[in-house]
């Protein structure tokens, strides 16, 4: 047991001199950090696109509603009977 403390102290000194990561671990950590950065960027882009899609959906729904209201107004206006000024039929006297 007494030897374990000496070995652990030596190991800690070795890691401090070497750095906490081996070259392979440092490369892996750098790759992970890069992937996290890229993931954050893509997540932000997806959020922006989702917001644009929601806005487009809202605008489409509003246009649909306006279109339906215009159709109803047009239908109401065309169902009113208009009395012609001249009688219908062939013209006489020409």
C-alpha atoms as a PDB file:
ATOM      1  CA  UNK A   1       0.000   0.000   0.000  1.00  0.00           C
ATOM      2  CA  UNK A   2       2.796   2.415   0.802  1.00  0.00           C
ATOM      3  CA  UNK A   3       4.259   1.819  -2.628  1.00  0.00           C
ATOM      4  CA  UNK A   4       0.904   2.722  -4.277  1.00  0.00           C
ATOM      5  CA  UNK A   5       1.129   6.325  -3.079  1.00  0.00           C
ATOM      6  CA  UNK A   6       4.588   6.665  -4.582  1.00  0.00           C
ATOM      7  CA  UNK A   7       3.436   5.172  -7.876  1.00  0.00           C
ATOM      8  CA  UNK A   8       0.376   7.439  -8.009  1.00  0.00           C
ATOM      9  CA  UNK A   9       2.523  10.476  -7.243  1.00  0.00           C
ATOM     10  CA  UNK A  10       4.917   9.470 -10.011  1.00  0.00           C
ATOM     11  CA  UNK A  11       1.991   8.920 -12.391  1.00  0.00           C
ATOM     12  CA  UNK A  12       0.520  12.327 -11.566  1.00  0.00           C
ATOM     13  CA  UNK A  13       3.896  13.953 -12.207  1.00  0.00           C
ATOM     14  CA  UNK A  14       4.169  12.094 -15.532  1.00  0.00           C
ATOM     15  CA  UNK A  15       0.714  13.290 -16.606  1.00  0.00           C
ATOM     16  CA  UNK A  16       1.466  16.841 -15.557  1.00  0.00           C
ATOM     17  CA  UNK A  17       4.659  16.832 -17.609  1.00  0.00           C
ATOM     18  CA  UNK A  18       2.997  15.184 -20.601  1.00  0.00           C
ATOM     19  CA  UNK A  19      -0.235  17.014 -20.353  1.00  0.00           C
ATOM     20  CA  UNK A  20      -3.505  15.479 -19.376  1.00  0.00           C
ATOM     21  CA  UNK A  21      -4.072  13.946 -22.771  1.00  0.00           C
ATOM     22  CA  UNK A  22      -2.006  11.716 -24.973  1.00  0.00           C
ATOM     23  CA  UNK A  23      -1.532  12.833 -28.584  1.00  0.00           C
ATOM     24  CA  UNK A  24      -4.305  10.464 -29.694  1.00  0.00           C
ATOM     25  CA  UNK A  25      -6.624  11.684 -26.964  1.00  0.00           C
ATOM     26  CA  UNK A  26      -5.845  15.314 -27.801  1.00  0.00           C
ATOM     27  CA  UNK A  27      -6.666  14.669 -31.465  1.00  0.00           C
ATOM     28  CA  UNK A  28      -9.889  12.930 -30.443  1.00  0.00           C
ATOM     29  CA  UNK A  29     -10.825  15.789 -28.115  1.00  0.00           C
ATOM     30  CA  UNK A  30     -10.163  18.326 -30.876  1.00  0.00           C
ATOM     31  CA  UNK A  31     -12.345  16.328 -33.279  1.00  0.00           C
ATOM     32  CA  UNK A  32     -15.112  16.153 -30.683  1.00  0.00           C
ATOM     33  CA  UNK A  33     -14.886  19.909 -30.061  1.00  0.00           C
ATOM     34  CA  UNK A  34     -15.073  20.569 -33.815  1.00  0.00           C
ATOM     35  CA  UNK A  35     -18.080  18.274 -34.170  1.00  0.00           C
ATOM     36  CA  UNK A  36     -19.824  19.991 -31.263  1.00  0.00           C
ATOM     37  CA  UNK A  37     -19.217  23.378 -32.892  1.00  0.00           C
ATOM     38  CA  UNK A  38     -20.548  22.148 -36.244  1.00  0.00           C
ATOM     39  CA  UNK A  39     -23.568  20.567 -34.539  1.00  0.00           C
ATOM     40  CA  UNK A  40     -24.356  23.843 -32.747  1.00  0.00           C
ATOM     41  CA  UNK A  41     -24.141  25.730 -36.060  1.00  0.00           C
ATOM     42  CA  UNK A  42     -26.424  23.250 -37.844  1.00  0.00           C
ATOM     43  CA  UNK A  43     -28.872  23.287 -34.939  1.00  0.00           C
ATOM     44  CA  UNK A  44     -29.005  27.078 -35.162  1.00  0.00           C
ATOM     45  CA  UNK A  45     -29.600  26.876 -38.927  1.00  0.00           C
ATOM     46  CA  UNK A  46     -32.396  24.342 -38.400  1.00  0.00           C
ATOM     47  CA  UNK A  47     -34.011  26.611 -35.824  1.00  0.00           C
ATOM     48  CA  UNK A  48     -33.931  29.523 -38.267  1.00  0.00           C
ATOM     49  CA  UNK A  49     -35.432  27.363 -41.021  1.00  0.00           C
ATOM     50  CA  UNK A  50     -38.153  26.084 -38.686  1.00  0.00           C
ATOM     51  CA  UNK A  51     -39.042  29.669 -37.803  1.00  0.00           C
ATOM     52  CA  UNK A  52     -39.226  30.572 -41.500  1.00  0.00           C
ATOM     53  CA  UNK A  53     -41.416  27.527 -42.145  1.00  0.00           C
ATOM     54  CA  UNK A  54     -43.765  28.486 -39.309  1.00  0.00           C
ATOM     55  CA  UNK A  55     -43.985  32.034 -40.664  1.00  0.00           C
ATOM     56  CA  UNK A  56     -44.723  30.729 -44.160  1.00  0.00           C
ATOM     57  CA  UNK A  57     -47.393  28.414 -42.772  1.00  0.00           C
ATOM     58  CA  UNK A  58     -49.004  31.294 -40.893  1.00  0.00           C
ATOM     59  CA  UNK A  59     -48.941  33.477 -43.999  1.00  0.00           C
ATOM     60  CA  UNK A  60     -50.423  30.661 -46.090  1.00  0.00           C
ATOM     61  CA  UNK A  61     -53.220  30.149 -43.568  1.00  0.00           C
ATOM     62  CA  UNK A  62     -53.967  33.884 -43.596  1.00  0.00           C
ATOM     63  CA  UNK A  63     -54.032  33.922 -47.414  1.00  0.00           C
ATOM     64  CA  UNK A  64     -56.338  30.903 -47.442  1.00  0.00           C
ATOM     65  CA  UNK A  65     -58.675  32.646 -45.006  1.00  0.00           C
ATOM     66  CA  UNK A  66     -58.672  35.842 -47.082  1.00  0.00           C
ATOM     67  CA  UNK A  67     -59.258  33.841 -50.268  1.00  0.00           C
ATOM     68  CA  UNK A  68     -62.250  32.076 -48.719  1.00  0.00           C
ATOM     69  CA  UNK A  69     -63.697  35.411 -47.574  1.00  0.00           C
ATOM     70  CA  UNK A  70     -63.267  36.853 -51.081  1.00  0.00           C
ATOM     71  CA  UNK A  71     -64.933  33.798 -52.628  1.00  0.00           C
ATOM     72  CA  UNK A  72     -67.895  34.156 -50.281  1.00  0.00           C
ATOM     73  CA  UNK A  73     -68.128  37.863 -51.090  1.00  0.00           C
ATOM     74  CA  UNK A  74     -67.972  37.119 -54.817  1.00  0.00           C
ATOM     75  CA  UNK A  75     -70.645  34.439 -54.466  1.00  0.00           C
ATOM     76  CA  UNK A  76     -72.855  36.853 -52.505  1.00  0.00           C
ATOM     77  CA  UNK A  77     -72.364  39.580 -55.109  1.00  0.00           C
ATOM     78  CA  UNK A  78     -73.123  37.327 -58.102  1.00  0.00           C
ATOM     79  CA  UNK A  79     -76.297  35.870 -56.600  1.00  0.00           C
ATOM     80  CA  UNK A  80     -77.913  39.334 -56.627  1.00  0.00           C
ATOM     81  CA  UNK A  81     -80.139  39.644 -59.675  1.00  0.00           C
ATOM     82  CA  UNK A  82     -79.421  42.616 -61.902  1.00  0.00           C
ATOM     83  CA  UNK A  83     -82.295  43.870 -64.006  1.00  0.00           C
ATOM     84  CA  UNK A  84     -81.111  44.742 -67.502  1.00  0.00           C
ATOM     85  CA  UNK A  85     -81.894  48.216 -68.825  1.00  0.00           C
ATOM     86  CA  UNK A  86     -82.867  46.918 -72.254  1.00  0.00           C
ATOM     87  CA  UNK A  87     -85.005  43.894 -72.759  1.00  0.00           C
ATOM     88  CA  UNK A  88     -83.202  40.821 -73.885  1.00  0.00           C
ATOM     89  CA  UNK A  89     -83.708  39.401 -77.269  1.00  0.00           C
ATOM     90  CA  UNK A  90     -82.880  40.220 -80.848  1.00  0.00           C
ATOM     91  CA  UNK A  91     -82.577  43.854 -81.741  1.00  0.00           C
ATOM     92  CA  UNK A  92     -85.237  45.174 -84.040  1.00  0.00           C
ATOM     93  CA  UNK A  93     -85.016  47.969 -86.405  1.00  0.00           C
ATOM     94  CA  UNK A  94     -81.526  47.610 -87.675  1.00  0.00           C
END
